[in-house]
Amino acid sequence: MYRMLCALLAAALAAGAQGQGSADLAKKLANPVSSLISVPFQSNFDYDVGPLDQGRRYTLNIQPVIPISLNQEWNLISRTIVPVINQEDVFPQAPEKTGLGDTTQSLFFSPAEPVNGITWGIGPAFLIPTATEPQLGTEKWGAGPTGVVLKQTGGWTIGALVNHIWSFAGDDDRDDVDSTFVQPFFAYTTPDAWTFTLQTESTYNWENEQWNAPVAFLVAKVFKVGQQTYQIQAGPRYYADSPETGADNMGFRLNFILLFPAGD
C-alpha cells in the first residue's frame, strides 16, 4: 500500500495541467455535497497520544461518498466514515490495539443546484458502535442533526460542516455521547487542479466540557493513471486543543481518493 501511494503521489507531482475537467473535479471534491462519487482512504498519523503523551495512533478512515438523485430538484448525499485504528502506549501498560472504530453515517438532503450561489445540505447523522475493541469506540448508539453550507466563487470554496450527536442506547457503564462537530473550511483550487485547504475538525464533548481541535493545512492534486481518476492530498495537522486521552502537538494526513465522475 505504501509503495502504491508513493507511486501515485509521484504521478500526481509529474502531471501537468489537465484542462478544465480536472479543475472542476477538484472543486467538486472541495464540496462535501457535490454530485460526485468518491471513495477516500484517509490516513491520519498522530503522536503524543494519551495522558502521558507517549502513545501513537494511526487511523485509516474509509469514507465513501455516494450522491443519489431523488428528482430534478433534490439530491441525497450519503457520507460514511468507517475508521480502522492501530494504537499503542496510549494508556500505561496498555497493549497495542488494532481494529474498527465506531462508524458515522450522515445523510444530506441538498438542492441539485446552488440557491443564490449558496450550496447547502441538511439531514441526520448516526453513530453506529462498530468498534471491535472497547478502547476503540464508545459502545453507544447515537443520532442527531447534521448540515453543511458553502459558497464557491472562482477558485475559492468557503463553508462549514457541523453535526451534533447524542447517544440513546448502548452499554450503560460507558459515558454518554453528547458531542458537537464543527468543520469550517477554506479551499482554493488552481486551473491545473491543485487544491490548497485550511480547515479545523473540532469536536466539543459536552459531557467532559473538552475540545479536540486539530487544525490542518492540506495540499491536493487531481490526476489520472490510465482510465482511473484520483486525488492525492497530504499535509500537517496541529492540535490546538485536545482531551487528556487525545493527541498533542503535530500530526500528519495522507488522503488517497478514488473518483468516479459521471461518464467515466
Protein backbone atom coordinates (compact mmCIF):
# COMPACT_ATOMS: atom_id res chain seq x y z
CA MET A 1 0.00 0.00 0.00
CA TYR A 2 2.78 2.45 0.95
CA ARG A 3 4.63 1.84 -2.33
CA MET A 4 1.43 2.25 -4.33
CA LEU A 5 0.67 5.57 -2.61
CA CYS A 6 4.20 6.80 -3.28
CA ALA A 7 3.91 5.84 -6.95
CA LEU A 8 0.57 7.63 -7.27
CA LEU A 9 1.95 10.70 -5.49
CA ALA A 10 4.90 10.74 -7.90
CA ALA A 11 2.46 10.53 -10.82
CA ALA A 12 0.46 13.43 -9.40
CA LEU A 13 3.55 15.59 -8.99
CA ALA A 14 4.66 14.76 -12.52
CA ALA A 15 1.27 15.58 -14.02
CA GLY A 16 0.95 18.89 -15.80
CA ALA A 17 -2.15 20.92 -16.44
CA GLN A 18 -5.01 18.56 -17.31
CA GLY A 19 -7.61 21.01 -18.53
CA GLN A 20 -10.80 22.34 -17.09
CA GLY A 21 -12.21 18.88 -16.37
CA SER A 22 -9.69 18.08 -13.63
CA ALA A 23 -10.10 21.51 -12.05
CA ASP A 24 -13.87 21.02 -11.99
CA LEU A 25 -13.41 17.65 -10.28
CA ALA A 26 -11.09 19.24 -7.71
CA LYS A 27 -13.72 21.91 -6.96
CA LYS A 28 -16.39 19.22 -6.59
CA LEU A 29 -14.18 17.41 -4.07
CA ALA A 30 -13.97 20.62 -2.04
CA ASN A 31 -17.79 20.49 -1.79
CA PRO A 32 -18.96 17.82 0.72
CA VAL A 33 -22.38 17.53 -1.01
CA SER A 34 -21.37 17.57 -4.67
CA SER A 35 -22.84 15.08 -7.15
CA LEU A 36 -19.61 13.09 -7.40
CA ILE A 37 -19.00 9.52 -6.29
CA SER A 38 -15.71 9.29 -4.40
CA VAL A 39 -14.02 6.82 -2.06
CA PRO A 40 -11.38 8.47 0.17
CA PHE A 41 -8.86 6.40 2.14
CA GLN A 42 -7.74 8.97 4.70
CA SER A 43 -4.63 8.08 6.73
CA ASN A 44 -4.07 10.07 9.94
CA PHE A 45 -0.83 9.75 11.91
CA ASP A 46 -0.97 11.12 15.48
CA TYR A 47 1.69 11.17 18.19
CA ASP A 48 1.99 12.17 21.86
CA VAL A 49 -1.34 10.41 22.48
CA GLY A 50 -2.70 9.66 25.95
CA PRO A 51 -2.30 11.06 29.47
CA LEU A 52 1.49 10.55 29.43
CA ASP A 53 1.95 11.83 25.84
CA GLN A 54 3.74 8.57 24.97
CA GLY A 55 1.22 6.92 22.64
CA ARG A 56 0.91 6.64 18.89
CA ARG A 57 -2.28 6.28 16.87
CA TYR A 58 -2.85 5.55 13.19
CA THR A 59 -6.39 5.95 11.86
CA LEU A 60 -7.44 4.95 8.36
CA ASN A 61 -10.86 6.49 7.64
CA ILE A 62 -12.65 4.78 4.76
CA GLN A 63 -15.16 7.41 3.60
CA PRO A 64 -17.35 6.54 0.60
CA VAL A 65 -19.48 9.45 -0.65
CA ILE A 66 -22.45 8.45 -2.81
CA PRO A 67 -24.87 11.00 -4.30
CA ILE A 68 -28.39 9.83 -5.18
CA SER A 69 -30.62 11.90 -7.44
CA LEU A 70 -34.10 11.96 -5.91
CA ASN A 71 -35.57 14.14 -8.67
CA GLN A 72 -34.57 17.13 -10.80
CA GLU A 73 -34.50 19.40 -7.76
CA TRP A 74 -33.08 17.32 -4.90
CA ASN A 75 -30.13 15.03 -4.19
CA LEU A 76 -29.48 12.73 -1.25
CA ILE A 77 -25.78 12.53 -0.35
CA SER A 78 -24.61 9.56 1.72
CA ARG A 79 -21.33 10.12 3.60
CA THR A 80 -19.95 7.19 5.62
CA ILE A 81 -16.86 7.18 7.84
CA VAL A 82 -15.50 3.77 8.90
CA PRO A 83 -12.29 4.09 10.95
CA VAL A 84 -9.63 1.39 11.13
CA ILE A 85 -7.39 2.14 14.11
CA ASN A 86 -3.99 0.97 15.34
CA GLN A 87 -2.70 2.42 18.60
CA GLU A 88 -0.11 1.61 21.22
CA ASP A 89 1.13 3.06 24.53
CA VAL A 90 -1.92 5.33 24.77
CA PHE A 91 -2.51 4.24 28.38
CA PRO A 92 0.12 2.99 30.86
CA GLN A 93 0.75 -0.75 30.43
CA ALA A 94 -1.94 -0.91 27.73
CA PRO A 95 -1.25 -3.38 24.93
CA GLU A 96 -1.32 -2.45 21.27
CA LYS A 97 -4.84 -2.39 19.85
CA THR A 98 -5.94 -2.75 16.23
CA GLY A 99 -9.48 -2.87 14.91
CA LEU A 100 -12.51 -0.97 13.72
CA GLY A 101 -13.74 2.18 15.44
CA ASP A 102 -17.31 3.46 15.52
CA THR A 103 -18.97 4.27 12.19
CA THR A 104 -20.53 7.67 11.47
CA GLN A 105 -23.24 7.72 8.80
CA SER A 106 -24.52 11.07 7.51
CA LEU A 107 -27.31 11.75 5.02
CA PHE A 108 -27.68 15.18 3.43
CA PHE A 109 -30.74 16.35 1.51
CA SER A 110 -29.37 19.01 -0.83
CA PRO A 111 -30.75 21.07 -3.74
CA ALA A 112 -29.44 19.79 -7.09
CA GLU A 113 -28.28 23.33 -7.96
CA PRO A 114 -26.94 26.14 -5.74
CA VAL A 115 -29.53 28.58 -4.42
CA ASN A 116 -28.43 32.21 -4.92
CA GLY A 117 -24.86 30.94 -5.22
CA ILE A 118 -25.09 29.01 -1.92
CA THR A 119 -24.86 25.22 -1.70
CA TRP A 120 -26.34 23.59 1.38
CA GLY A 121 -27.48 20.27 2.75
CA ILE A 122 -29.21 19.08 5.90
CA GLY A 123 -30.17 15.71 7.36
CA PRO A 124 -29.49 13.14 10.07
CA ALA A 125 -26.22 11.72 11.36
CA PHE A 126 -25.92 8.34 13.11
CA LEU A 127 -23.27 6.85 15.39
CA ILE A 128 -23.04 3.08 14.97
CA PRO A 129 -21.00 1.10 17.56
CA THR A 130 -18.90 -0.97 15.18
CA ALA A 131 -15.71 -0.83 17.29
CA THR A 132 -14.09 -4.22 17.68
CA GLU A 133 -12.29 -3.26 20.92
CA PRO A 134 -13.74 -1.32 23.89
CA GLN A 135 -10.78 1.12 23.77
CA LEU A 136 -11.52 2.00 20.12
CA GLY A 137 -15.16 3.08 20.46
CA THR A 138 -17.97 4.36 22.64
CA GLU A 139 -20.16 1.20 22.72
CA LYS A 140 -23.10 3.57 22.21
CA TRP A 141 -25.73 4.13 19.54
CA GLY A 142 -26.23 7.80 18.69
CA ALA A 143 -28.07 10.16 16.37
CA GLY A 144 -28.56 13.85 15.70
CA PRO A 145 -28.72 16.55 13.02
CA THR A 146 -26.05 17.45 10.50
CA GLY A 147 -25.73 20.27 8.00
CA VAL A 148 -23.34 21.91 5.57
CA VAL A 149 -23.32 25.28 3.83
CA LEU A 150 -20.75 26.66 1.39
CA LYS A 151 -20.14 29.11 -1.41
CA GLN A 152 -17.90 28.56 -4.42
CA THR A 153 -16.72 31.54 -6.44
CA GLY A 154 -13.79 31.48 -8.85
CA GLY A 155 -11.31 29.02 -7.38
CA TRP A 156 -12.50 29.58 -3.82
CA THR A 157 -14.63 27.28 -1.65
CA ILE A 158 -15.65 28.63 1.76
CA GLY A 159 -18.02 26.86 4.10
CA ALA A 160 -18.62 24.72 7.16
CA LEU A 161 -19.96 21.28 8.07
CA VAL A 162 -21.49 20.63 11.51
CA ASN A 163 -23.24 17.87 13.38
CA HIS A 164 -24.36 17.06 16.89
CA ILE A 165 -24.79 13.52 18.17
CA TRP A 166 -26.49 12.30 21.34
CA SER A 167 -26.35 8.67 22.43
CA PHE A 168 -29.69 6.92 23.02
CA ALA A 169 -28.70 3.29 23.65
CA GLY A 170 -25.73 1.08 24.37
CA ASP A 171 -23.58 -0.01 27.30
CA ASP A 172 -24.89 1.70 30.46
CA ASP A 173 -21.41 1.52 32.02
CA ARG A 174 -19.92 3.73 29.29
CA ASP A 175 -20.09 7.53 29.20
CA ASP A 176 -22.96 9.04 27.25
CA VAL A 177 -22.18 10.68 23.92
CA ASP A 178 -23.10 14.37 23.68
CA SER A 179 -20.76 15.97 21.15
CA THR A 180 -20.72 18.75 18.59
CA PHE A 181 -18.53 18.54 15.48
CA VAL A 182 -17.60 21.78 13.66
CA GLN A 183 -15.54 21.81 10.44
CA PRO A 184 -15.04 25.24 8.83
CA PHE A 185 -13.01 25.01 5.61
CA PHE A 186 -11.30 27.41 3.22
CA ALA A 187 -10.01 25.98 -0.07
CA TYR A 188 -8.52 27.38 -3.24
CA THR A 189 -8.35 25.33 -6.47
CA THR A 190 -5.98 26.33 -9.28
CA PRO A 191 -6.76 25.92 -13.02
CA ASP A 192 -4.40 22.90 -13.14
CA ALA A 193 -6.32 21.05 -10.35
CA TRP A 194 -4.17 21.76 -7.30
CA THR A 195 -6.22 22.48 -4.16
CA PHE A 196 -4.93 24.18 -1.01
CA THR A 197 -7.13 23.77 2.07
CA LEU A 198 -7.10 25.20 5.58
CA GLN A 199 -9.61 23.61 7.95
CA THR A 200 -10.31 22.55 11.50
CA GLU A 201 -12.15 19.38 12.55
CA SER A 202 -13.15 20.35 16.06
CA THR A 203 -15.27 18.25 18.39
CA TYR A 204 -16.66 19.55 21.69
CA ASN A 205 -17.56 16.91 24.28
CA TRP A 206 -20.36 18.39 26.41
CA GLU A 207 -20.04 15.58 28.96
CA ASN A 208 -16.40 16.41 29.72
CA GLU A 209 -16.50 20.05 28.58
CA GLN A 210 -13.43 19.42 26.43
CA TRP A 211 -12.39 20.34 22.87
CA ASN A 212 -10.48 18.17 20.42
CA ALA A 213 -9.34 20.68 17.80
CA PRO A 214 -6.83 19.70 15.10
CA VAL A 215 -6.07 22.38 12.50
CA ALA A 216 -4.90 21.11 9.10
CA PHE A 217 -3.23 22.63 6.06
CA LEU A 218 -3.60 20.26 3.10
CA VAL A 219 -2.38 20.24 -0.49
CA ALA A 220 -4.15 18.06 -3.07
CA LYS A 221 -3.85 17.19 -6.77
CA VAL A 222 -6.33 15.53 -9.15
CA PHE A 223 -4.74 13.31 -11.82
CA LYS A 224 -5.30 10.21 -13.92
CA VAL A 225 -3.48 6.90 -14.20
CA GLY A 226 -4.87 5.08 -17.21
CA GLN A 227 -8.65 5.46 -17.12
CA GLN A 228 -8.90 5.90 -13.35
CA THR A 229 -9.07 9.37 -11.78
CA TYR A 230 -7.52 10.02 -8.36
CA GLN A 231 -6.77 12.75 -5.90
CA ILE A 232 -3.81 12.68 -3.54
CA GLN A 233 -3.97 15.01 -0.53
CA ALA A 234 -1.35 15.49 2.18
CA GLY A 235 -0.38 17.92 4.90
CA PRO A 236 0.32 18.55 8.60
CA ARG A 237 -2.19 18.82 11.42
CA TYR A 238 -1.64 20.74 14.66
CA TYR A 239 -3.69 20.07 17.78
CA ALA A 240 -4.71 23.46 19.14
CA ASP A 241 -6.55 21.65 21.96
CA SER A 242 -7.20 18.03 22.88
CA PRO A 243 -8.53 15.91 25.76
CA GLU A 244 -6.25 14.02 28.14
CA THR A 245 -6.58 10.82 26.12
CA GLY A 246 -6.12 12.60 22.76
CA ALA A 247 -3.14 13.57 20.65
CA ASP A 248 -0.93 16.62 21.19
CA ASN A 249 1.30 18.77 19.01
CA MET A 250 1.77 17.76 15.35
CA GLY A 251 0.22 15.02 13.25
CA PHE A 252 0.05 14.24 9.55
CA ARG A 253 -2.60 13.28 7.00
CA LEU A 254 -2.27 11.43 3.69
CA ASN A 255 -5.53 11.06 1.78
CA PHE A 256 -5.88 8.86 -1.30
CA ILE A 257 -9.20 9.29 -3.14
CA LEU A 258 -10.75 7.24 -5.92
CA LEU A 259 -13.04 9.35 -8.14
CA PHE A 260 -15.86 8.12 -10.34
CA PRO A 261 -17.05 11.07 -12.46
CA ALA A 262 -20.26 10.64 -14.43
CA GLY A 263 -19.49 9.39 -17.92
CA ASP A 264 -16.16 7.73 -16.99
